[in-house]
């Protein structure tokens, strides 16, 4: 089963590093990086405002735990946002490419 992933990062450099590692290890088929996202969040009982970078991309369900483990090793956040969502349908050729591009 193919899935989306969503990871927030502190800056573009970190997002590129994480994406590159995941691609090289064939844990993801591709990543899209969105820069200068304004985030508002609660951390340690305080409201925080921050610029972040988002990585979104495609992978397979069987690789979720490996992706979480790999990202936690290199991410600067104490508790990084790493979430997944099912892809319910789409271009069958593209979905096959996702599976073929990951291990």
Protein backbone atom coordinates (compact mmCIF):
# COMPACT_ATOMS: atom_id res chain seq x y z
CA UNK A 1 0.00 0.00 0.00
CA UNK A 2 1.30 3.44 -0.96
CA UNK A 3 1.16 6.28 1.56
CA UNK A 4 1.93 9.99 1.95
CA UNK A 5 4.30 11.24 4.63
CA UNK A 6 4.53 14.67 6.25
CA UNK A 7 7.60 15.82 8.20
CA UNK A 8 8.30 19.30 9.59
CA UNK A 9 11.87 20.61 9.78
CA UNK A 10 13.63 23.61 11.22
CA UNK A 11 15.13 24.79 7.90
CA UNK A 12 15.69 23.94 4.23
CA UNK A 13 19.11 22.43 4.90
CA UNK A 14 17.67 19.91 7.35
CA UNK A 15 14.78 19.10 4.98
CA UNK A 16 17.19 18.43 2.09
CA UNK A 17 19.43 16.28 4.29
CA UNK A 18 16.52 14.16 5.56
CA UNK A 19 15.04 13.81 2.06
CA UNK A 20 18.37 12.83 0.55
CA UNK A 21 19.05 10.18 3.19
CA UNK A 22 15.58 8.67 2.76
CA UNK A 23 15.91 8.62 -1.05
CA UNK A 24 19.41 7.08 -0.98
CA UNK A 25 18.22 4.35 1.38
CA UNK A 26 15.21 3.73 -0.91
CA UNK A 27 12.81 4.38 1.96
CA UNK A 28 10.84 6.94 -0.07
CA UNK A 29 10.09 7.37 -3.78
CA UNK A 30 10.15 11.17 -3.72
CA UNK A 31 9.95 14.23 -1.50
CA UNK A 32 8.48 17.69 -2.02
CA UNK A 33 9.90 20.48 0.13
CA UNK A 34 7.77 23.50 1.07
CA UNK A 35 9.78 26.42 2.48
CA UNK A 36 8.83 29.27 4.85
CA UNK A 37 5.74 27.76 6.42
CA UNK A 38 4.42 29.70 9.42
CA UNK A 39 3.74 27.37 12.34
CA UNK A 40 1.92 27.97 15.60
CA UNK A 41 2.21 25.24 18.21
CA UNK A 42 2.22 24.46 21.88
CA UNK A 43 5.51 23.27 23.35
CA UNK A 44 6.30 22.99 27.05
CA UNK A 45 3.12 24.85 28.02
CA UNK A 46 3.94 27.82 25.81
CA UNK A 47 2.49 29.07 22.51
CA UNK A 48 5.28 29.23 19.93
CA UNK A 49 5.51 30.86 16.51
CA UNK A 50 8.12 29.60 14.09
CA UNK A 51 9.07 29.35 10.44
CA UNK A 52 9.36 25.73 9.37
CA UNK A 53 9.93 23.68 6.26
CA UNK A 54 7.65 20.78 5.33
CA UNK A 55 8.66 17.59 3.57
CA UNK A 56 5.80 15.74 1.91
CA UNK A 57 6.25 12.68 -0.20
CA UNK A 58 5.35 9.18 -1.15
CA UNK A 59 6.41 5.78 0.13
CA UNK A 60 4.91 2.43 1.11
CA UNK A 61 3.24 1.42 4.37
CA UNK A 62 5.79 -1.31 5.08
CA UNK A 63 8.56 1.32 5.36
CA UNK A 64 6.88 3.57 7.97
CA UNK A 65 8.80 2.33 11.00
CA UNK A 66 12.15 2.48 9.16
CA UNK A 67 11.43 6.05 8.07
CA UNK A 68 10.53 7.10 11.63
CA UNK A 69 13.70 5.51 12.98
CA UNK A 70 15.93 7.10 10.33
CA UNK A 71 14.43 10.57 10.67
CA UNK A 72 14.69 10.53 14.48
CA UNK A 73 18.44 9.78 14.18
CA UNK A 74 19.16 12.94 12.15
CA UNK A 75 16.36 15.39 13.02
CA UNK A 76 17.11 18.39 15.23
CA UNK A 77 13.71 18.37 17.01
CA UNK A 78 13.33 16.55 20.31
CA UNK A 79 9.96 15.22 19.08
CA UNK A 80 9.84 15.48 15.27
CA UNK A 81 6.51 15.49 13.44
CA UNK A 82 6.52 12.39 11.23
CA UNK A 83 3.04 11.37 10.12
CA UNK A 84 1.56 9.19 7.39
CA UNK A 85 -1.69 9.02 5.47
CA UNK A 86 -3.10 6.37 3.15
CA UNK A 87 -3.32 7.04 -0.59
CA UNK A 88 -6.77 5.70 -1.48
CA UNK A 89 -6.47 6.00 -5.28
CA UNK A 90 -4.55 7.65 -8.09
CA UNK A 91 -2.69 7.11 -11.34
CA UNK A 92 -1.97 3.37 -11.23
CA UNK A 93 1.32 3.82 -13.13
CA UNK A 94 2.47 6.41 -10.59
CA UNK A 95 1.44 4.25 -7.63
CA UNK A 96 3.38 1.34 -9.16
CA UNK A 97 6.41 3.65 -9.55
CA UNK A 98 6.27 4.43 -5.81
CA UNK A 99 6.42 0.72 -4.99
CA UNK A 100 9.19 0.09 -7.54
CA UNK A 101 11.27 3.02 -6.25
CA UNK A 102 11.33 1.82 -2.63
CA UNK A 103 12.70 -1.37 -1.15
